[in-house]
Amino acid sequence: MERELLLECQRNDRNAQRQVYEKMAGKIYSVCRRYLKNDEDIEEVLADTFYKIFTKINQLQNPDIFESWARKIAVNECLQKLRSQKALHITLEDSHAFSSESATESISFEKDVLSLLNFLPEGCRAIFNLFAIEGYPHKEIAMMLSISEGTSKSQLNFARKRLQELLVNQNI
């Protein structure tokens, strides 16, 4: 992101904020899509994320890390949304949410691996995203979600197994 554009955002320049939004909305939307299923929730979190970006942009010390900083805000907003919906209850009993038959029907022609994440229970999906895509270590995931490191590891393992089953069923 251009340093001057971010400085203008720090001065609350609405035109600069619009430009940043236009450049970043697709990336932030993709992050939200990995965590949330419902389009209305995604739009709400997207708006909340940009609100937080623009109200906290003065805290950004290094403009070179703007994109990763913005992604982190989006991840935290998604997790907050999931917590508010009580969707982050993490247990292996959530495995009943997986049905290979319904998954096969729902994504018969769509072979996008990220779409398969929608067939994971919310907690598993969040942990898989945090670990495999965002790169957080299990210790940090455990602190973020108020779970043990062991739970984070077991849920990641559960998610990987389910994704492998889906991939085999879809011949991807």
C-alpha atoms as a PDB file:
ATOM      1  CA  MET A   1       0.000   0.000   0.000  1.00  0.00           C
ATOM      2  CA  GLU A   2       1.283   3.446  -0.834  1.00  0.00           C
ATOM      3  CA  ARG A   3       2.735   5.257   2.162  1.00  0.00           C
ATOM      4  CA  GLU A   4       1.230   8.634   1.174  1.00  0.00           C
ATOM      5  CA  LEU A   5      -2.239   7.118   0.805  1.00  0.00           C
ATOM      6  CA  LEU A   6      -2.026   5.674   4.309  1.00  0.00           C
ATOM      7  CA  LEU A   7      -0.852   8.999   5.702  1.00  0.00           C
ATOM      8  CA  GLU A   8      -3.887  10.650   4.132  1.00  0.00           C
ATOM      9  CA  CYS A   9      -6.081   8.001   5.769  1.00  0.00           C
ATOM     10  CA  GLN A  10      -4.503   8.889   9.097  1.00  0.00           C
ATOM     11  CA  ARG A  11      -5.685  12.463   8.459  1.00  0.00           C
ATOM     12  CA  ASN A  12      -9.225  11.089   7.903  1.00  0.00           C
ATOM     13  CA  ASP A  13      -9.221  11.913   4.191  1.00  0.00           C
ATOM     14  CA  ARG A  14     -12.405  10.215   2.904  1.00  0.00           C
ATOM     15  CA  ASN A  15     -11.099   9.966  -0.661  1.00  0.00           C
ATOM     16  CA  ALA A  16      -7.971   8.163   0.548  1.00  0.00           C
ATOM     17  CA  GLN A  17     -10.093   5.837   2.681  1.00  0.00           C
ATOM     18  CA  ARG A  18     -12.232   5.019  -0.346  1.00  0.00           C
ATOM     19  CA  GLN A  19      -9.112   4.205  -2.378  1.00  0.00           C
ATOM     20  CA  VAL A  20      -7.773   1.938   0.371  1.00  0.00           C
ATOM     21  CA  TYR A  21     -11.159   0.249   0.614  1.00  0.00           C
ATOM     22  CA  GLU A  22     -11.249  -0.350  -3.141  1.00  0.00           C
ATOM     23  CA  LYS A  23      -7.727  -1.806  -3.122  1.00  0.00           C
ATOM     24  CA  MET A  24      -8.223  -4.010  -0.064  1.00  0.00           C
ATOM     25  CA  ALA A  25     -11.900  -5.026  -0.066  1.00  0.00           C
ATOM     26  CA  GLY A  26     -11.384  -8.124  -2.208  1.00  0.00           C
ATOM     27  CA  LYS A  27      -8.526  -9.392  -0.054  1.00  0.00           C
ATOM     28  CA  ILE A  28     -10.373  -8.766   3.189  1.00  0.00           C
ATOM     29  CA  TYR A  29     -13.539 -10.325   1.764  1.00  0.00           C
ATOM     30  CA  SER A  30     -11.549 -13.483   0.933  1.00  0.00           C
ATOM     31  CA  VAL A  31     -10.264 -13.688   4.493  1.00  0.00           C
ATOM     32  CA  CYS A  32     -13.807 -13.324   5.858  1.00  0.00           C
ATOM     33  CA  ARG A  33     -15.143 -15.917   3.414  1.00  0.00           C
ATOM     34  CA  ARG A  34     -12.777 -18.532   4.818  1.00  0.00           C
ATOM     35  CA  TYR A  35     -14.233 -18.094   8.311  1.00  0.00           C
ATOM     36  CA  LEU A  36     -17.885 -17.284   7.716  1.00  0.00           C
ATOM     37  CA  LYS A  37     -20.537 -18.984   5.583  1.00  0.00           C
ATOM     38  CA  ASN A  38     -23.333 -16.445   5.557  1.00  0.00           C
ATOM     39  CA  ASP A  39     -22.977 -13.564   3.052  1.00  0.00           C
ATOM     40  CA  GLU A  40     -24.715 -11.152   5.440  1.00  0.00           C
ATOM     41  CA  ASP A  41     -22.216 -12.002   8.195  1.00  0.00           C
ATOM     42  CA  ILE A  42     -19.340 -11.537   5.766  1.00  0.00           C
ATOM     43  CA  GLU A  43     -20.608  -8.111   4.700  1.00  0.00           C
ATOM     44  CA  GLU A  44     -21.115  -7.103   8.335  1.00  0.00           C
ATOM     45  CA  VAL A  45     -17.617  -8.221   9.331  1.00  0.00           C
ATOM     46  CA  LEU A  46     -16.151  -6.548   6.240  1.00  0.00           C
ATOM     47  CA  ALA A  47     -17.727  -3.248   7.276  1.00  0.00           C
ATOM     48  CA  ASP A  48     -16.610  -3.699  10.897  1.00  0.00           C
ATOM     49  CA  THR A  49     -13.082  -4.495   9.722  1.00  0.00           C
ATOM     50  CA  PHE A  50     -12.777  -1.358   7.632  1.00  0.00           C
ATOM     51  CA  TYR A  51     -14.297   0.733  10.406  1.00  0.00           C
ATOM     52  CA  LYS A  52     -11.638  -0.600  12.775  1.00  0.00           C
ATOM     53  CA  ILE A  53      -8.878  -0.121  10.174  1.00  0.00           C
ATOM     54  CA  PHE A  54      -9.773   3.519   9.650  1.00  0.00           C
ATOM     55  CA  THR A  55     -10.321   4.320  13.334  1.00  0.00           C
ATOM     56  CA  LYS A  56      -7.106   2.601  14.438  1.00  0.00           C
ATOM     57  CA  ILE A  57      -4.861   3.480  11.485  1.00  0.00           C
ATOM     58  CA  ASN A  58      -2.990   6.010  13.633  1.00  0.00           C
ATOM     59  CA  GLN A  59      -1.705   3.060  15.690  1.00  0.00           C
ATOM     60  CA  LEU A  60       0.008   1.592  12.636  1.00  0.00           C
ATOM     61  CA  GLN A  61       3.703   2.299  13.156  1.00  0.00           C
ATOM     62  CA  ASN A  62       5.027   0.791   9.928  1.00  0.00           C
ATOM     63  CA  PRO A  63       3.019   1.359   6.729  1.00  0.00           C
ATOM     64  CA  ASP A  64       4.953  -1.491   5.079  1.00  0.00           C
ATOM     65  CA  ILE A  65       2.975  -4.015   7.126  1.00  0.00           C
ATOM     66  CA  PHE A  66      -0.435  -2.472   6.440  1.00  0.00           C
ATOM     67  CA  GLU A  67      -1.832  -5.456   4.533  1.00  0.00           C
ATOM     68  CA  SER A  68      -0.881  -8.011   7.177  1.00  0.00           C
ATOM     69  CA  TRP A  69      -2.150  -5.667   9.898  1.00  0.00           C
ATOM     70  CA  ALA A  70      -5.482  -5.296   8.064  1.00  0.00           C
ATOM     71  CA  ARG A  71      -5.757  -9.074   7.571  1.00  0.00           C
ATOM     72  CA  LYS A  72      -5.162  -9.616  11.279  1.00  0.00           C
ATOM     73  CA  ILE A  73      -7.970  -7.194  12.090  1.00  0.00           C
ATOM     74  CA  ALA A  74     -10.246  -9.099   9.685  1.00  0.00           C
ATOM     75  CA  VAL A  75      -9.370 -12.448  11.287  1.00  0.00           C
ATOM     76  CA  ASN A  76     -10.054 -11.055  14.759  1.00  0.00           C
ATOM     77  CA  GLU A  77     -13.385  -9.588  13.616  1.00  0.00           C
ATOM     78  CA  CYS A  78     -14.372 -12.967  12.121  1.00  0.00           C
ATOM     79  CA  LEU A  79     -13.492 -14.769  15.342  1.00  0.00           C
ATOM     80  CA  GLN A  80     -15.451 -12.193  17.330  1.00  0.00           C
ATOM     81  CA  LYS A  81     -18.461 -12.778  15.069  1.00  0.00           C
ATOM     82  CA  LEU A  82     -18.194 -16.544  15.516  1.00  0.00           C
ATOM     83  CA  ARG A  83     -17.919 -16.134  19.285  1.00  0.00           C
ATOM     84  CA  SER A  84     -20.997 -13.902  19.352  1.00  0.00           C
ATOM     85  CA  GLN A  85     -22.907 -16.602  17.485  1.00  0.00           C
ATOM     86  CA  LYS A  86     -21.558 -19.229  19.889  1.00  0.00           C
ATOM     87  CA  ALA A  87     -20.260 -21.022  16.769  1.00  0.00           C
ATOM     88  CA  LEU A  88     -16.794 -21.584  18.178  1.00  0.00           C
ATOM     89  CA  HIS A  89     -17.860 -24.308  20.563  1.00  0.00           C
ATOM     90  CA  ILE A  90     -15.168 -26.825  19.762  1.00  0.00           C
ATOM     91  CA  THR A  91     -15.714 -30.514  20.284  1.00  0.00           C
ATOM     92  CA  LEU A  92     -15.201 -33.602  18.212  1.00  0.00           C
ATOM     93  CA  GLU A  93     -18.918 -34.226  18.575  1.00  0.00           C
ATOM     94  CA  ASP A  94     -19.288 -31.609  15.844  1.00  0.00           C
ATOM     95  CA  SER A  95     -18.381 -34.369  13.417  1.00  0.00           C
ATOM     96  CA  HIS A  96     -22.091 -35.001  12.851  1.00  0.00           C
ATOM     97  CA  ALA A  97     -22.059 -31.713  10.905  1.00  0.00           C
ATOM     98  CA  PHE A  98     -20.069 -33.498   8.208  1.00  0.00           C
ATOM     99  CA  SER A  99     -21.896 -35.469   5.596  1.00  0.00           C
ATOM    100  CA  SER A 100     -19.946 -36.640   2.581  1.00  0.00           C
ATOM    101  CA  GLU A 101     -23.176 -37.215   0.640  1.00  0.00           C
ATOM    102  CA  SER A 102     -24.434 -33.671   1.136  1.00  0.00           C
ATOM    103  CA  ALA A 103     -20.959 -32.319   0.416  1.00  0.00           C
ATOM    104  CA  THR A 104     -20.793 -34.265  -2.826  1.00  0.00           C
ATOM    105  CA  GLU A 105     -24.187 -32.956  -3.927  1.00  0.00           C
ATOM    106  CA  SER A 106     -23.477 -29.362  -2.945  1.00  0.00           C
ATOM    107  CA  ILE A 107     -20.154 -29.031  -4.716  1.00  0.00           C
ATOM    108  CA  SER A 108     -20.610 -31.421  -7.606  1.00  0.00           C
ATOM    109  CA  PHE A 109     -19.033 -29.083 -10.161  1.00  0.00           C
ATOM    110  CA  GLU A 110     -17.125 -26.717  -7.895  1.00  0.00           C
ATOM    111  CA  LYS A 111     -13.631 -27.988  -7.154  1.00  0.00           C
ATOM    112  CA  ASP A 112     -12.328 -25.038  -5.229  1.00  0.00           C
ATOM    113  CA  VAL A 113     -10.566 -26.382  -2.161  1.00  0.00           C
ATOM    114  CA  LEU A 114     -11.522 -23.359  -0.078  1.00  0.00           C
ATOM    115  CA  SER A 115     -15.195 -24.095  -0.685  1.00  0.00           C
ATOM    116  CA  LEU A 116     -14.640 -27.415   1.085  1.00  0.00           C
ATOM    117  CA  LEU A 117     -13.967 -25.508   4.297  1.00  0.00           C
ATOM    118  CA  ASN A 118     -17.703 -24.800   4.476  1.00  0.00           C
ATOM    119  CA  PHE A 119     -18.242 -28.481   5.242  1.00  0.00           C
ATOM    120  CA  LEU A 120     -16.190 -28.321   8.416  1.00  0.00           C
ATOM    121  CA  PRO A 121     -17.715 -27.471  11.787  1.00  0.00           C
ATOM    122  CA  GLU A 122     -17.171 -23.781  12.643  1.00  0.00           C
ATOM    123  CA  GLY A 123     -14.504 -24.409  15.298  1.00  0.00           C
ATOM    124  CA  CYS A 124     -12.490 -26.773  13.090  1.00  0.00           C
ATOM    125  CA  ARG A 125     -12.685 -24.346  10.195  1.00  0.00           C
ATOM    126  CA  ALA A 126     -11.476 -21.461  12.343  1.00  0.00           C
ATOM    127  CA  ILE A 127      -8.519 -23.460  13.656  1.00  0.00           C
ATOM    128  CA  PHE A 128      -7.621 -24.745  10.183  1.00  0.00           C
ATOM    129  CA  ASN A 129      -7.689 -21.176   8.829  1.00  0.00           C
ATOM    130  CA  LEU A 130      -5.644 -19.788  11.703  1.00  0.00           C
ATOM    131  CA  PHE A 131      -2.993 -22.504  11.477  1.00  0.00           C
ATOM    132  CA  ALA A 132      -2.776 -23.552   7.834  1.00  0.00           C
ATOM    133  CA  ILE A 133      -3.646 -20.291   6.086  1.00  0.00           C
ATOM    134  CA  GLU A 134      -2.840 -17.471   8.514  1.00  0.00           C
ATOM    135  CA  GLY A 135       0.223 -19.225   9.981  1.00  0.00           C
ATOM    136  CA  TYR A 136      -0.538 -18.853  13.681  1.00  0.00           C
ATOM    137  CA  PRO A 137       1.126 -21.384  16.022  1.00  0.00           C
ATOM    138  CA  HIS A 138      -1.067 -23.641  18.157  1.00  0.00           C
ATOM    139  CA  LYS A 139      -0.085 -21.787  21.324  1.00  0.00           C
ATOM    140  CA  GLU A 140      -1.388 -18.488  19.942  1.00  0.00           C
ATOM    141  CA  ILE A 141      -4.538 -20.131  18.535  1.00  0.00           C
ATOM    142  CA  ALA A 142      -5.220 -21.625  21.954  1.00  0.00           C
ATOM    143  CA  MET A 143      -4.929 -18.203  23.581  1.00  0.00           C
ATOM    144  CA  MET A 144      -7.103 -16.520  20.920  1.00  0.00           C
ATOM    145  CA  LEU A 145      -9.895 -19.089  21.254  1.00  0.00           C
ATOM    146  CA  SER A 146      -9.543 -19.830  24.991  1.00  0.00           C
ATOM    147  CA  ILE A 147      -8.850 -23.516  24.395  1.00  0.00           C
ATOM    148  CA  SER A 148      -5.905 -25.783  25.132  1.00  0.00           C
ATOM    149  CA  GLU A 149      -3.056 -26.320  22.685  1.00  0.00           C
ATOM    150  CA  GLY A 150      -4.039 -29.982  22.548  1.00  0.00           C
ATOM    151  CA  THR A 151      -7.563 -29.064  21.476  1.00  0.00           C
ATOM    152  CA  SER A 152      -6.157 -26.841  18.749  1.00  0.00           C
ATOM    153  CA  LYS A 153      -3.945 -29.657  17.488  1.00  0.00           C
ATOM    154  CA  SER A 154      -6.693 -32.270  17.605  1.00  0.00           C
ATOM    155  CA  GLN A 155      -9.167 -29.992  15.802  1.00  0.00           C
ATOM    156  CA  LEU A 156      -6.574 -29.257  13.113  1.00  0.00           C
ATOM    157  CA  ASN A 157      -6.013 -32.992  12.688  1.00  0.00           C
ATOM    158  CA  PHE A 158      -9.783 -33.547  12.520  1.00  0.00           C
ATOM    159  CA  ALA A 159     -10.121 -30.782   9.890  1.00  0.00           C
ATOM    160  CA  ARG A 160      -7.303 -32.214   7.782  1.00  0.00           C
ATOM    161  CA  LYS A 161      -8.844 -35.691   7.819  1.00  0.00           C
ATOM    162  CA  ARG A 162     -12.256 -34.348   6.819  1.00  0.00           C
ATOM    163  CA  LEU A 163     -10.761 -32.240   4.041  1.00  0.00           C
ATOM    164  CA  GLN A 164      -8.857 -35.269   2.740  1.00  0.00           C
ATOM    165  CA  GLU A 165     -12.088 -37.273   2.702  1.00  0.00           C
ATOM    166  CA  LEU A 166     -13.838 -34.484   0.817  1.00  0.00           C
ATOM    167  CA  LEU A 167     -10.983 -34.210  -1.661  1.00  0.00           C
ATOM    168  CA  VAL A 168     -11.085 -37.957  -2.319  1.00  0.00           C
ATOM    169  CA  ASN A 169     -14.875 -37.883  -2.705  1.00  0.00           C
ATOM    170  CA  GLN A 170     -14.591 -34.990  -5.164  1.00  0.00           C
ATOM    171  CA  ASN A 171     -11.602 -36.477  -7.030  1.00  0.00           C
ATOM    172  CA  ILE A 172      -9.737 -33.201  -6.674  1.00  0.00           C
END
